PDB file of all heavy atoms in Angstrom:
ATOM      1  N   THR A   1     181.460  42.450-140.066  1.00  0.00           N
ATOM      2  CA  THR A   1     181.069  43.528-141.068  1.00  0.00           C
ATOM      3  C   THR A   1     181.619  44.760-140.711  1.00  0.00           C
ATOM      4  O   THR A   1     181.985  45.083-139.514  1.00  0.00           O
ATOM      5  CB  THR A   1     179.492  43.632-141.167  1.00  0.00           C
ATOM      6  OG1 THR A   1     178.999  43.970-139.816  1.00  0.00           O
ATOM      7  CG2 THR A   1     178.894  42.349-141.630  1.00  0.00           C
ATOM      8  N   TYR A   2     181.759  45.706-141.660  1.00  0.00           N
ATOM      9  CA  TYR A   2     182.104  47.105-141.549  1.00  0.00           C
ATOM     10  C   TYR A   2     181.215  47.942-142.351  1.00  0.00           C
ATOM     11  O   TYR A   2     180.736  47.590-143.411  1.00  0.00           O
ATOM     12  CB  TYR A   2     183.516  47.291-142.141  1.00  0.00           C
ATOM     13  CG  TYR A   2     183.789  48.731-142.527  1.00  0.00           C
ATOM     14  CD1 TYR A   2     184.277  49.693-141.491  1.00  0.00           C
ATOM     15  CD2 TYR A   2     183.579  49.190-143.740  1.00  0.00           C
ATOM     16  CE1 TYR A   2     184.482  50.993-141.929  1.00  0.00           C
ATOM     17  CE2 TYR A   2     183.775  50.518-144.160  1.00  0.00           C
ATOM     18  CZ  TYR A   2     184.209  51.447-143.216  1.00  0.00           C
ATOM     19  OH  TYR A   2     184.441  52.762-143.523  1.00  0.00           O
ATOM     20  N   TYR A   3     180.835  49.149-141.798  1.00  0.00           N
ATOM     21  CA  TYR A   3     179.920  50.000-142.515  1.00  0.00           C
ATOM     22  C   TYR A   3     180.521  51.388-142.423  1.00  0.00           C
ATOM     23  O   TYR A   3     181.089  51.865-141.391  1.00  0.00           O
ATOM     24  CB  TYR A   3     178.516  49.995-141.901  1.00  0.00           C
ATOM     25  CG  TYR A   3     177.818  48.785-141.982  1.00  0.00           C
ATOM     26  CD1 TYR A   3     177.695  47.900-141.040  1.00  0.00           C
ATOM     27  CD2 TYR A   3     177.055  48.536-143.238  1.00  0.00           C
ATOM     28  CE1 TYR A   3     177.037  46.684-141.151  1.00  0.00           C
ATOM     29  CE2 TYR A   3     176.369  47.330-143.393  1.00  0.00           C
ATOM     30  CZ  TYR A   3     176.335  46.450-142.371  1.00  0.00           C
ATOM     31  OH  TYR A   3     175.593  45.277-142.481  1.00  0.00           O
ATOM     32  N   ARG A   4     180.384  52.145-143.534  1.00  0.00           N
ATOM     33  CA  ARG A   4     180.703  53.524-143.524  1.00  0.00           C
ATOM     34  C   ARG A   4     179.660  54.272-142.649  1.00  0.00           C
ATOM     35  O   ARG A   4     178.509  53.896-142.539  1.00  0.00           O
ATOM     36  CB  ARG A   4     180.543  54.126-144.907  1.00  0.00           C
ATOM     37  CG  ARG A   4     180.999  55.554-145.073  1.00  0.00           C
ATOM     38  CD  ARG A   4     180.853  56.018-146.546  1.00  0.00           C
ATOM     39  NE  ARG A   4     181.479  57.346-146.736  1.00  0.00           N
ATOM     40  CZ  ARG A   4     182.803  57.571-146.931  1.00  0.00           C
ATOM     41  NH1 ARG A   4     183.599  56.517-147.028  1.00  0.00           N
ATOM     42  NH2 ARG A   4     183.275  58.708-147.089  1.00  0.00           N
ATOM     43  N   ASN A   5     180.121  55.260-141.862  1.00  0.00           N
ATOM     44  CA  ASN A   5     179.258  55.929-140.958  1.00  0.00           C
ATOM     45  C   ASN A   5     177.915  56.368-141.487  1.00  0.00           C
ATOM     46  O   ASN A   5     176.833  56.323-140.912  1.00  0.00           O
ATOM     47  CB  ASN A   5     179.985  57.089-140.249  1.00  0.00           C
ATOM     48  CG  ASN A   5     181.007  56.616-139.221  1.00  0.00           C
ATOM     49  OD1 ASN A   5     180.955  55.529-138.708  1.00  0.00           O
ATOM     50  ND2 ASN A   5     181.918  57.509-138.931  1.00  0.00           N
ATOM     51  N   SER A   6     177.995  56.951-142.679  1.00  0.00           N
ATOM     52  CA  SER A   6     176.799  57.547-143.328  1.00  0.00           C
ATOM     53  C   SER A   6     175.740  56.533-143.759  1.00  0.00           C
ATOM     54  O   SER A   6     174.599  56.932-144.110  1.00  0.00           O
ATOM     55  CB  SER A   6     177.166  58.441-144.480  1.00  0.00           C
ATOM     56  OG  SER A   6     177.872  57.598-145.523  1.00  0.00           O
ATOM     57  N   VAL A   7     176.091  55.237-143.717  1.00  0.00           N
ATOM     58  CA  VAL A   7     175.130  54.272-144.129  1.00  0.00           C
ATOM     59  C   VAL A   7     174.686  53.375-143.023  1.00  0.00           C
ATOM     60  O   VAL A   7     173.770  52.455-143.153  1.00  0.00           O
ATOM     61  CB  VAL A   7     175.607  53.356-145.309  1.00  0.00           C
ATOM     62  CG1 VAL A   7     176.082  54.280-146.474  1.00  0.00           C
ATOM     63  CG2 VAL A   7     176.747  52.378-144.837  1.00  0.00           C
ATOM     64  N   LYS A   8     175.290  53.483-141.847  1.00  0.00           N
ATOM     65  CA  LYS A   8     174.931  52.734-140.628  1.00  0.00           C
ATOM     66  C   LYS A   8     173.528  52.916-140.332  1.00  0.00           C
ATOM     67  O   LYS A   8     173.024  53.996-140.236  1.00  0.00           O
ATOM     68  CB  LYS A   8     175.828  53.008-139.471  1.00  0.00           C
ATOM     69  CG  LYS A   8     177.275  52.653-139.589  1.00  0.00           C
ATOM     70  CD  LYS A   8     178.067  53.010-138.380  1.00  0.00           C
ATOM     71  CE  LYS A   8     179.552  52.495-138.401  1.00  0.00           C
ATOM     72  NZ  LYS A   8     180.271  52.961-137.224  1.00  0.00           N
ATOM     73  N   GLY A   9     172.862  51.738-140.109  1.00  0.00           N
ATOM     74  CA  GLY A   9     171.442  51.856-139.751  1.00  0.00           C
ATOM     75  C   GLY A   9     170.490  51.828-140.981  1.00  0.00           C
ATOM     76  O   GLY A   9     169.356  51.738-140.820  1.00  0.00           O
ATOM     77  N   ARG A  10     171.064  52.056-142.205  1.00  0.00           N
ATOM     78  CA  ARG A  10     170.245  52.066-143.351  1.00  0.00           C
ATOM     79  C   ARG A  10     170.649  50.976-144.387  1.00  0.00           C
ATOM     80  O   ARG A  10     169.758  50.414-145.026  1.00  0.00           O
ATOM     81  CB  ARG A  10     170.383  53.433-144.123  1.00  0.00           C
ATOM     82  CG  ARG A  10     169.942  54.577-143.367  1.00  0.00           C
ATOM     83  CD  ARG A  10     170.009  55.841-144.302  1.00  0.00           C
ATOM     84  NE  ARG A  10     171.304  56.142-144.829  1.00  0.00           N
ATOM     85  CZ  ARG A  10     171.660  56.166-146.016  1.00  0.00           C
ATOM     86  NH1 ARG A  10     170.735  55.973-147.029  1.00  0.00           N
ATOM     87  NH2 ARG A  10     172.881  56.492-146.367  1.00  0.00           N
ATOM     88  N   PHE A  11     171.973  50.573-144.425  1.00  0.00           N
ATOM     89  CA  PHE A  11     172.448  49.452-145.219  1.00  0.00           C
ATOM     90  C   PHE A  11     172.788  48.282-144.486  1.00  0.00           C
ATOM     91  O   PHE A  11     173.308  48.370-143.320  1.00  0.00           O
ATOM     92  CB  PHE A  11     173.640  50.007-146.064  1.00  0.00           C
ATOM     93  CG  PHE A  11     173.476  51.043-147.118  1.00  0.00           C
ATOM     94  CD1 PHE A  11     172.285  51.775-147.130  1.00  0.00           C
ATOM     95  CD2 PHE A  11     174.406  51.358-148.038  1.00  0.00           C
ATOM     96  CE1 PHE A  11     172.102  52.722-148.127  1.00  0.00           C
ATOM     97  CE2 PHE A  11     174.254  52.350-148.927  1.00  0.00           C
ATOM     98  CZ  PHE A  11     173.023  53.045-149.006  1.00  0.00           C
ATOM     99  N   THR A  12     172.524  47.090-145.127  1.00  0.00           N
ATOM    100  CA  THR A  12     172.958  45.806-144.486  1.00  0.00           C
ATOM    101  C   THR A  12     173.697  45.019-145.555  1.00  0.00           C
ATOM    102  O   THR A  12     173.124  44.793-146.568  1.00  0.00           O
ATOM    103  CB  THR A  12     171.758  45.065-143.946  1.00  0.00           C
ATOM    104  OG1 THR A  12     170.972  45.827-143.023  1.00  0.00           O
ATOM    105  CG2 THR A  12     172.157  43.780-143.258  1.00  0.00           C
ATOM    106  N   ILE A  13     174.940  44.586-145.080  1.00  0.00           N
ATOM    107  CA  ILE A  13     175.682  43.683-145.954  1.00  0.00           C
ATOM    108  C   ILE A  13     175.544  42.294-145.436  1.00  0.00           C
ATOM    109  O   ILE A  13     175.561  42.066-144.230  1.00  0.00           O
ATOM    110  CB  ILE A  13     177.144  44.141-146.084  1.00  0.00           C
ATOM    111  CG1 ILE A  13     177.940  43.362-147.182  1.00  0.00           C
ATOM    112  CG2 ILE A  13     177.849  44.007-144.742  1.00  0.00           C
ATOM    113  CD1 ILE A  13     179.291  43.829-147.498  1.00  0.00           C
ATOM    114  N   SER A  14     175.405  41.341-146.376  1.00  0.00           N
ATOM    115  CA  SER A  14     175.308  39.946-146.007  1.00  0.00           C
ATOM    116  C   SER A  14     176.018  39.038-147.095  1.00  0.00           C
ATOM    117  O   SER A  14     176.359  39.561-148.088  1.00  0.00           O
ATOM    118  CB  SER A  14     173.888  39.543-145.856  1.00  0.00           C
ATOM    119  OG  SER A  14     173.116  39.710-147.019  1.00  0.00           O
ATOM    120  N   ARG A  15     176.198  37.839-146.675  1.00  0.00           N
ATOM    121  CA  ARG A  15     176.797  36.905-147.650  1.00  0.00           C
ATOM    122  C   ARG A  15     176.145  35.493-147.585  1.00  0.00           C
ATOM    123  O   ARG A  15     175.544  35.075-146.623  1.00  0.00           O
ATOM    124  CB  ARG A  15     178.317  36.779-147.447  1.00  0.00           C
ATOM    125  CG  ARG A  15     178.847  35.688-146.484  1.00  0.00           C
ATOM    126  CD  ARG A  15     178.471  35.868-145.060  1.00  0.00           C
ATOM    127  NE  ARG A  15     179.337  35.005-144.180  1.00  0.00           N
ATOM    128  CZ  ARG A  15     179.096  34.710-142.909  1.00  0.00           C
ATOM    129  NH1 ARG A  15     177.898  35.224-142.403  1.00  0.00           N
ATOM    130  NH2 ARG A  15     179.834  33.944-142.249  1.00  0.00           N
ATOM    131  N   ASP A  16     176.228  34.793-148.744  1.00  0.00           N
ATOM    132  CA  ASP A  16     175.850  33.374-148.838  1.00  0.00           C
ATOM    133  C   ASP A  16     177.069  32.709-149.262  1.00  0.00           C
ATOM    134  O   ASP A  16     177.453  32.707-150.511  1.00  0.00           O
ATOM    135  CB  ASP A  16     174.685  33.255-149.793  1.00  0.00           C
ATOM    136  CG  ASP A  16     174.199  31.782-149.837  1.00  0.00           C
ATOM    137  OD1 ASP A  16     175.014  30.914-149.623  1.00  0.00           O
ATOM    138  OD2 ASP A  16     172.971  31.706-150.029  1.00  0.00           O
ATOM    139  N   GLY A  17     177.839  32.040-148.328  1.00  0.00           N
ATOM    140  CA  GLY A  17     179.099  31.392-148.724  1.00  0.00           C
ATOM    141  C   GLY A  17     178.844  30.274-149.730  1.00  0.00           C
ATOM    142  O   GLY A  17     179.745  30.135-150.539  1.00  0.00           O
ATOM    143  N   ALA A  18     177.846  29.586-149.725  1.00  0.00           N
ATOM    144  CA  ALA A  18     177.573  28.436-150.614  1.00  0.00           C
ATOM    145  C   ALA A  18     177.431  28.921-152.078  1.00  0.00           C
ATOM    146  O   ALA A  18     177.724  28.202-153.010  1.00  0.00           O
ATOM    147  CB  ALA A  18     176.388  27.684-150.206  1.00  0.00           C
ATOM    148  N   LEU A  19     176.930  30.227-152.253  1.00  0.00           N
ATOM    149  CA  LEU A  19     176.705  30.749-153.535  1.00  0.00           C
ATOM    150  C   LEU A  19     177.864  31.698-153.962  1.00  0.00           C
ATOM    151  O   LEU A  19     177.744  32.251-155.063  1.00  0.00           O
ATOM    152  CB  LEU A  19     175.410  31.505-153.598  1.00  0.00           C
ATOM    153  CG  LEU A  19     174.147  30.661-153.412  1.00  0.00           C
ATOM    154  CD1 LEU A  19     172.921  31.511-153.345  1.00  0.00           C
ATOM    155  CD2 LEU A  19     174.065  29.551-154.425  1.00  0.00           C
ATOM    156  N   ASN A  20     178.811  31.882-153.029  1.00  0.00           N
ATOM    157  CA  ASN A  20     179.961  32.893-153.299  1.00  0.00           C
ATOM    158  C   ASN A  20     179.312  34.215-153.752  1.00  0.00           C
ATOM    159  O   ASN A  20     179.821  34.939-154.671  1.00  0.00           O
ATOM    160  CB  ASN A  20     180.841  32.430-154.460  1.00  0.00           C
ATOM    161  CG  ASN A  20     181.962  31.436-153.981  1.00  0.00           C
ATOM    162  OD1 ASN A  20     181.956  31.099-152.736  1.00  0.00           O
ATOM    163  ND2 ASN A  20     182.892  30.965-154.863  1.00  0.00           N
ATOM    164  N   THR A  21     178.371  34.679-152.958  1.00  0.00           N
ATOM    165  CA  THR A  21     177.582  35.893-153.253  1.00  0.00           C
ATOM    166  C   THR A  21     177.473  36.754-152.003  1.00  0.00           C
ATOM    167  O   THR A  21     177.308  36.284-150.908  1.00  0.00           O
ATOM    168  CB  THR A  21     176.201  35.570-153.821  1.00  0.00           C
ATOM    169  OG1 THR A  21     176.379  34.769-154.917  1.00  0.00           O
ATOM    170  CG2 THR A  21     175.477  36.857-154.018  1.00  0.00           C
ATOM    171  N   ILE A  22     177.667  38.028-152.227  1.00  0.00           N
ATOM    172  CA  ILE A  22     177.353  39.061-151.210  1.00  0.00           C
ATOM    173  C   ILE A  22     176.250  39.916-151.635  1.00  0.00           C
ATOM    174  O   ILE A  22     175.980  40.099-152.797  1.00  0.00           O
ATOM    175  CB  ILE A  22     178.595  39.855-150.706  1.00  0.00           C
ATOM    176  CG1 ILE A  22     179.079  40.783-151.878  1.00  0.00           C
ATOM    177  CG2 ILE A  22     179.650  39.006-150.217  1.00  0.00           C
ATOM    178  CD1 ILE A  22     180.048  41.797-151.392  1.00  0.00           C
ATOM    179  N   PHE A  23     175.534  40.570-150.626  1.00  0.00           N
ATOM    180  CA  PHE A  23     174.417  41.380-150.907  1.00  0.00           C
ATOM    181  C   PHE A  23     174.547  42.690-150.196  1.00  0.00           C
ATOM    182  O   PHE A  23     175.256  42.806-149.225  1.00  0.00           O
ATOM    183  CB  PHE A  23     173.086  40.672-150.515  1.00  0.00           C
ATOM    184  CG  PHE A  23     172.924  39.337-151.020  1.00  0.00           C
ATOM    185  CD1 PHE A  23     173.436  38.212-150.382  1.00  0.00           C
ATOM    186  CD2 PHE A  23     172.289  39.131-152.268  1.00  0.00           C
ATOM    187  CE1 PHE A  23     173.199  36.955-150.803  1.00  0.00           C
ATOM    188  CE2 PHE A  23     172.173  37.897-152.754  1.00  0.00           C
ATOM    189  CZ  PHE A  23     172.597  36.769-152.034  1.00  0.00           C
ATOM    190  N   LEU A  24     173.917  43.704-150.716  1.00  0.00           N
ATOM    191  CA  LEU A  24     173.904  45.017-150.035  1.00  0.00           C
ATOM    192  C   LEU A  24     172.443  45.519-150.063  1.00  0.00           C
ATOM    193  O   LEU A  24     171.964  45.896-151.122  1.00  0.00           O
ATOM    194  CB  LEU A  24     174.827  46.021-150.624  1.00  0.00           C
ATOM    195  CG  LEU A  24     174.854  47.373-149.873  1.00  0.00           C
ATOM    196  CD1 LEU A  24     175.595  47.215-148.557  1.00  0.00           C
ATOM    197  CD2 LEU A  24     175.565  48.426-150.690  1.00  0.00           C
ATOM    198  N   HIS A  25     171.663  45.376-148.911  1.00  0.00           N
ATOM    199  CA  HIS A  25     170.311  45.808-148.917  1.00  0.00           C
ATOM    200  C   HIS A  25     170.393  47.381-148.448  1.00  0.00           C
ATOM    201  O   HIS A  25     170.985  47.681-147.310  1.00  0.00           O
ATOM    202  CB  HIS A  25     169.545  45.086-147.869  1.00  0.00           C
ATOM    203  CG  HIS A  25     168.088  45.462-147.844  1.00  0.00           C
ATOM    204  ND1 HIS A  25     167.134  44.844-148.611  1.00  0.00           N
ATOM    205  CD2 HIS A  25     167.434  46.347-147.044  1.00  0.00           C
ATOM    206  CE1 HIS A  25     165.957  45.453-148.384  1.00  0.00           C
ATOM    207  NE2 HIS A  25     166.167  46.310-147.345  1.00  0.00           N
ATOM    208  N   MET A  26     169.798  48.199-149.170  1.00  0.00           N
ATOM    209  CA  MET A  26     169.881  49.598-148.897  1.00  0.00           C
ATOM    210  C   MET A  26     168.486  50.244-148.720  1.00  0.00           C
ATOM    211  O   MET A  26     167.566  49.985-149.532  1.00  0.00           O
ATOM    212  CB  MET A  26     170.557  50.348-150.114  1.00  0.00           C
ATOM    213  CG  MET A  26     171.918  49.796-150.464  1.00  0.00           C
ATOM    214  SD  MET A  26     172.692  50.651-151.940  1.00  0.00           S
ATOM    215  CE  MET A  26     171.627  50.162-153.210  1.00  0.00           C
ATOM    216  N   ASP A  27     168.288  50.806-147.603  1.00  0.00           N
ATOM    217  CA  ASP A  27     167.041  51.433-147.197  1.00  0.00           C
ATOM    218  C   ASP A  27     167.166  52.969-147.121  1.00  0.00           C
ATOM    219  O   ASP A  27     168.252  53.521-146.941  1.00  0.00           O
ATOM    220  CB  ASP A  27     166.546  50.926-145.889  1.00  0.00           C
ATOM    221  CG  ASP A  27     166.027  49.477-145.941  1.00  0.00           C
ATOM    222  OD1 ASP A  27     165.442  49.094-146.930  1.00  0.00           O
ATOM    223  OD2 ASP A  27     166.218  48.772-144.894  1.00  0.00           O
ATOM    224  N   THR A  28     166.098  53.660-147.247  1.00  0.00           N
ATOM    225  CA  THR A  28     166.057  55.144-147.030  1.00  0.00           C
ATOM    226  C   THR A  28     167.050  55.809-147.948  1.00  0.00           C
ATOM    227  O   THR A  28     167.783  56.650-147.493  1.00  0.00           O
ATOM    228  CB  THR A  28     166.196  55.425-145.609  1.00  0.00           C
ATOM    229  OG1 THR A  28     165.506  54.530-144.737  1.00  0.00           O
ATOM    230  CG2 THR A  28     165.574  56.855-145.323  1.00  0.00           C
ATOM    231  N   LEU A  29     167.047  55.444-149.229  1.00  0.00           N
ATOM    232  CA  LEU A  29     167.959  56.020-150.146  1.00  0.00           C
ATOM    233  C   LEU A  29     167.760  57.458-150.325  1.00  0.00           C
ATOM    234  O   LEU A  29     166.617  57.935-150.446  1.00  0.00           O
ATOM    235  CB  LEU A  29     167.992  55.265-151.446  1.00  0.00           C
ATOM    236  CG  LEU A  29     168.606  53.823-151.403  1.00  0.00           C
ATOM    237  CD1 LEU A  29     168.144  53.009-152.605  1.00  0.00           C
ATOM    238  CD2 LEU A  29     170.101  53.965-151.383  1.00  0.00           C
ATOM    239  N   GLY A  30     168.819  58.235-150.444  1.00  0.00           N
ATOM    240  CA  GLY A  30     168.797  59.637-150.736  1.00  0.00           C
ATOM    241  C   GLY A  30     169.772  60.009-151.832  1.00  0.00           C
ATOM    242  O   GLY A  30     170.468  59.189-152.345  1.00  0.00           O
ATOM    243  N   PRO A  31     169.692  61.227-152.285  1.00  0.00           N
ATOM    244  CA  PRO A  31     170.550  61.795-153.388  1.00  0.00           C
ATOM    245  C   PRO A  31     171.994  61.458-153.157  1.00  0.00           C
ATOM    246  O   PRO A  31     172.739  61.223-154.068  1.00  0.00           O
ATOM    247  CB  PRO A  31     170.324  63.298-153.388  1.00  0.00           C
ATOM    248  CG  PRO A  31     168.848  63.468-152.898  1.00  0.00           C
ATOM    249  CD  PRO A  31     168.806  62.370-151.804  1.00  0.00           C
ATOM    250  N   ASP A  32     172.549  61.577-151.870  1.00  0.00           N
ATOM    251  CA  ASP A  32     173.952  61.327-151.610  1.00  0.00           C
ATOM    252  C   ASP A  32     174.359  59.781-151.874  1.00  0.00           C
ATOM    253  O   ASP A  32     175.487  59.520-151.926  1.00  0.00           O
ATOM    254  CB  ASP A  32     174.214  61.680-150.123  1.00  0.00           C
ATOM    255  CG  ASP A  32     174.293  63.131-149.967  1.00  0.00           C
ATOM    256  OD1 ASP A  32     174.246  63.909-150.904  1.00  0.00           O
ATOM    257  OD2 ASP A  32     174.244  63.579-148.790  1.00  0.00           O
TER     258      ASP A  32
END
């Protein structure tokens, strides 16, 4: 995985290869 510095610790990227799907879980969202 790779994360932009400003989202490290707040966002999590994951994948389900069987479903050909990726996810982005985003916590502590702000205006930026």
